[in-house]
Amino acid sequence: AQSPASAELHLHLPSLLIPYYRQQIESESNVVHHYADLGHFLMLEGEIAEAMKVFETGLRISLRGVSAGDDGRLWSEIDRIIVKQYDYGDDDTVRQANLAVLTLLRELKKEFPSPDIMAFYTCYAICADKLNHRQEAQNIFDEAWSKWPDNRQLIALKKSRDF
């Protein structure tokens, strides 16, 4: 009943960036910002489980200390998932993503019991606290505080999360 001039057409086109970043990872496997970018686009596509696999690989490289020195970008992407800075779904999807991140961080903590990367601790503490695992969040924060006492970032986190 509508004329073609007033019709709307909505198409969902597959991202060309996902294959691009997979190729980048294949050719530069220790450049962890490629994992951040691929994980980001997978999150936007609603592929939470696949994104977590990508993040897990990149985070392991970071925690082993063998990255190309661009770890901050990857940890920042994990933080963005936790605080939902991108529109990657409704409240249930956001909760699922945060649960997946918390599960990933718990597993990494078993493998790397005392990492020397503060972002690991801050992401873990914020994520656990956000999901109402308050004691776990406090324990992780306390561990970070014992490693980096009176650190500005930790002081700010302490104030904002009441640790």
Protein backbone atom coordinates (compact mmCIF):
# COMPACT_ATOMS: atom_id res chain seq x y z
CA ALA A 1 0.00 0.00 0.00
CA GLN A 2 3.01 2.31 0.31
CA SER A 3 4.67 3.89 -2.65
CA PRO A 4 8.31 2.84 -3.24
CA ALA A 5 9.45 6.39 -2.45
CA SER A 6 8.30 6.05 1.18
CA ALA A 7 9.24 2.43 1.87
CA GLU A 8 11.97 1.65 4.38
CA LEU A 9 14.38 -1.19 3.99
CA HIS A 10 16.57 -2.41 6.86
CA LEU A 11 19.47 -4.69 6.03
CA HIS A 12 21.92 -6.36 8.35
CA LEU A 13 25.20 -6.66 6.50
CA PRO A 14 28.00 -8.84 7.84
CA SER A 15 30.98 -6.95 9.15
CA LEU A 16 34.02 -6.97 6.91
CA LEU A 17 36.13 -6.07 9.92
CA ILE A 18 35.80 -9.46 11.59
CA PRO A 19 37.66 -11.37 8.83
CA TYR A 20 40.16 -8.49 8.63
CA TYR A 21 41.05 -8.69 12.34
CA ARG A 22 41.22 -12.49 12.21
CA GLN A 23 43.83 -12.09 9.47
CA GLN A 24 45.67 -9.46 11.51
CA ILE A 25 45.80 -11.86 14.48
CA GLU A 26 47.10 -14.61 12.24
CA SER A 27 49.90 -12.43 10.90
CA GLU A 28 50.72 -10.56 14.17
CA SER A 29 49.66 -12.87 16.97
CA ASN A 30 51.38 -10.90 19.77
CA VAL A 31 49.76 -7.56 18.87
CA VAL A 32 47.01 -7.66 21.46
CA HIS A 33 45.07 -4.65 20.22
CA HIS A 34 43.97 -6.88 17.31
CA TYR A 35 42.28 -9.11 19.89
CA ALA A 36 40.62 -6.05 21.42
CA ASP A 37 39.31 -4.92 18.04
CA LEU A 38 38.07 -8.36 16.99
CA GLY A 39 36.45 -8.95 20.37
CA HIS A 40 34.77 -5.54 20.18
CA PHE A 41 33.19 -6.27 16.81
CA LEU A 42 32.12 -9.75 17.91
CA MET A 43 30.42 -8.19 20.94
CA LEU A 44 28.57 -5.77 18.66
CA GLU A 45 27.44 -8.76 16.58
CA GLY A 46 26.08 -10.45 19.71
CA GLU A 47 28.72 -13.19 19.65
CA ILE A 48 29.58 -13.08 23.36
CA ALA A 49 31.05 -16.59 23.61
CA GLU A 50 33.21 -16.10 20.54
CA ALA A 51 34.33 -12.68 21.78
CA MET A 52 35.37 -14.21 25.13
CA LYS A 53 37.52 -16.79 23.33
CA VAL A 54 39.27 -14.00 21.45
CA PHE A 55 39.72 -11.92 24.60
CA GLU A 56 41.01 -14.96 26.49
CA THR A 57 43.76 -15.52 23.93
CA GLY A 58 44.77 -11.86 23.96
CA LEU A 59 44.67 -11.60 27.75
CA ARG A 60 46.86 -14.68 28.12
CA ILE A 61 49.42 -13.06 25.83
CA SER A 62 49.25 -9.92 27.96
CA LEU A 63 49.52 -11.78 31.27
CA ARG A 64 52.48 -13.82 30.00
CA GLY A 65 54.26 -10.54 29.21
CA VAL A 66 54.85 -11.41 25.55
CA SER A 67 52.63 -8.83 23.87
CA ALA A 68 53.87 -6.18 21.48
CA GLY A 69 53.46 -3.63 24.29
CA ASP A 70 49.91 -2.50 23.53
CA ASP A 71 48.20 -4.20 26.47
CA GLY A 72 46.32 -1.11 27.62
CA ARG A 73 44.02 -1.18 24.60
CA LEU A 74 42.96 -4.76 25.35
CA TRP A 75 42.37 -4.14 29.05
CA SER A 76 40.45 -0.98 28.17
CA GLU A 77 38.15 -3.02 25.94
CA ILE A 78 37.43 -5.43 28.78
CA ASP A 79 36.63 -2.45 31.00
CA ARG A 80 34.27 -1.07 28.35
CA ILE A 81 32.32 -4.32 28.34
CA ILE A 82 32.00 -4.23 32.12
CA VAL A 83 30.76 -0.64 32.24
CA LYS A 84 28.75 -0.98 28.98
CA GLN A 85 30.08 1.87 26.94
CA TYR A 86 28.81 0.36 23.70
CA ASP A 87 25.32 -0.58 22.59
CA TYR A 88 25.73 -4.32 22.40
CA GLY A 89 22.39 -5.41 23.75
CA ASP A 90 19.63 -5.17 26.30
CA ASP A 91 20.10 -5.52 30.06
CA ASP A 92 20.04 -9.33 29.89
CA THR A 93 22.73 -9.36 27.19
CA VAL A 94 24.86 -6.96 29.21
CA ARG A 95 24.50 -9.20 32.27
CA GLN A 96 25.48 -12.25 30.21
CA ALA A 97 28.52 -10.40 28.90
CA ASN A 98 29.57 -9.40 32.42
CA LEU A 99 29.11 -12.95 33.69
CA ALA A 100 31.26 -14.19 30.81
CA VAL A 101 33.97 -11.62 31.65
CA LEU A 102 33.90 -12.57 35.34
CA THR A 103 34.19 -16.26 34.46
CA LEU A 104 37.11 -15.48 32.17
CA LEU A 105 38.90 -13.43 34.82
CA ARG A 106 38.38 -16.16 37.43
CA GLU A 107 39.94 -18.72 35.09
CA LEU A 108 42.86 -16.44 34.30
CA LYS A 109 43.44 -15.89 38.03
CA LYS A 110 43.87 -19.65 38.45
CA GLU A 111 46.41 -19.73 35.64
CA PHE A 112 48.12 -16.48 36.67
CA PRO A 113 47.74 -16.33 40.48
CA SER A 114 49.63 -13.07 40.98
CA PRO A 115 49.67 -11.03 37.76
CA ASP A 116 51.69 -7.82 37.61
CA ILE A 117 49.06 -5.97 35.59
CA MET A 118 46.93 -3.61 37.64
CA ALA A 119 44.19 -3.55 35.00
CA PHE A 120 43.58 -7.23 35.67
CA TYR A 121 42.73 -6.43 39.27
CA THR A 122 40.65 -3.34 38.56
CA CYS A 123 38.60 -5.05 35.85
CA TYR A 124 38.08 -8.09 38.04
CA ALA A 125 37.07 -6.06 41.12
CA ILE A 126 34.63 -3.84 39.19
CA CYS A 127 33.07 -6.76 37.35
CA ALA A 128 32.64 -8.87 40.50
CA ASP A 129 31.22 -5.89 42.40
CA LYS A 130 28.82 -5.05 39.58
CA LEU A 131 27.50 -8.62 39.66
CA ASN A 132 27.04 -8.51 43.47
CA HIS A 133 30.01 -10.71 44.31
CA ARG A 134 31.09 -8.15 46.85
CA GLN A 135 33.46 -10.26 48.93
CA GLU A 136 35.25 -11.55 45.83
CA ALA A 137 35.58 -7.97 44.58
CA GLN A 138 36.93 -6.82 47.94
CA ASN A 139 39.46 -9.67 48.03
CA ILE A 140 40.76 -8.85 44.56
CA PHE A 141 40.93 -5.16 45.39
CA ASP A 142 42.82 -5.92 48.62
CA GLU A 143 45.32 -8.02 46.68
CA ALA A 144 45.89 -5.14 44.27
CA TRP A 145 46.22 -2.68 47.16
CA SER A 146 48.88 -4.88 48.77
CA LYS A 147 50.87 -4.83 45.50
CA TRP A 148 50.41 -1.12 44.74
CA PRO A 149 49.60 0.69 48.01
CA ASP A 150 48.33 4.25 47.70
CA ASN A 151 48.17 4.06 43.90
CA ARG A 152 46.02 6.89 42.48
CA GLN A 153 43.90 4.60 40.32
CA LEU A 154 43.27 2.27 43.23
CA ILE A 155 42.44 5.19 45.53
CA ALA A 156 39.83 6.36 43.01
CA LEU A 157 38.42 2.83 42.72
CA LYS A 158 38.36 2.55 46.51
CA LYS A 159 36.31 5.72 46.75
CA SER A 160 33.94 4.98 43.87
CA ARG A 161 33.24 1.36 44.91
CA ASP A 162 33.60 1.81 48.67
CA PHE A 163 36.30 -0.83 49.03
